């Protein structure tokens, strides 16, 4: 899990989801942290897809 957020309303939940997506797109979320067992080839492909070098 990279982010777990609970909100009182659906609208607030949608806003939180957009905030998390924006943080991901800005490179502020390290998706590798969600994996307990690193798989370097898989990470390499993810890096390609999200534009990390």
Protein backbone atom coordinates (compact mmCIF):
# COMPACT_ATOMS: atom_id res chain seq x y z
CA UNK A 1 0.00 0.00 0.00
CA UNK A 2 1.29 3.38 -0.91
CA UNK A 3 -1.55 5.47 0.41
CA UNK A 4 -4.56 4.72 2.53
CA UNK A 5 -6.96 7.55 3.07
CA UNK A 6 -10.49 7.62 4.45
CA UNK A 7 -12.89 10.47 3.83
CA UNK A 8 -16.38 11.19 5.11
CA UNK A 9 -18.01 11.72 1.71
CA UNK A 10 -17.66 10.37 -1.79
CA UNK A 11 -16.71 13.82 -3.06
CA UNK A 12 -13.96 14.16 -0.45
CA UNK A 13 -12.76 10.66 -1.36
CA UNK A 14 -12.59 11.60 -5.04
CA UNK A 15 -10.63 14.73 -4.15
CA UNK A 16 -8.19 12.63 -2.09
CA UNK A 17 -7.77 10.18 -4.98
CA UNK A 18 -6.94 13.03 -7.35
CA UNK A 19 -4.44 14.40 -4.82
CA UNK A 20 -2.70 11.01 -4.57
CA UNK A 21 -2.69 10.62 -8.37
CA UNK A 22 -1.18 14.09 -8.71
CA UNK A 23 1.54 13.25 -6.19
CA UNK A 24 2.29 10.07 -8.18
CA UNK A 25 2.42 11.95 -11.48
CA UNK A 26 4.72 14.56 -9.94
CA UNK A 27 7.11 11.82 -8.81
CA UNK A 28 6.38 12.32 -5.10
CA UNK A 29 5.25 8.69 -4.61
CA UNK A 30 7.85 5.93 -4.70
CA UNK A 31 5.88 2.99 -6.11
CA UNK A 32 8.75 0.65 -5.27
CA UNK A 33 7.90 1.05 -1.57
CA UNK A 34 4.70 -0.96 -2.11
CA UNK A 35 6.61 -4.15 -2.96
CA UNK A 36 7.92 -6.44 -0.24
CA UNK A 37 9.95 -8.52 -2.70
CA UNK A 38 11.84 -6.39 -5.21
CA UNK A 39 11.74 -7.62 -8.78
CA UNK A 40 14.32 -5.55 -10.60
CA UNK A 41 13.18 -6.39 -14.15
CA UNK A 42 9.62 -5.44 -13.21
CA UNK A 43 10.83 -2.20 -11.60
CA UNK A 44 12.87 -1.41 -14.69
CA UNK A 45 9.73 -1.73 -16.84
CA UNK A 46 7.70 0.39 -14.41
CA UNK A 47 10.41 3.02 -14.55
CA UNK A 48 10.13 3.05 -18.34
CA UNK A 49 6.35 3.44 -18.16
CA UNK A 50 6.37 6.28 -15.65
CA UNK A 51 9.36 8.01 -17.19
CA UNK A 52 11.94 7.50 -14.43
CA UNK A 53 15.55 7.05 -15.46
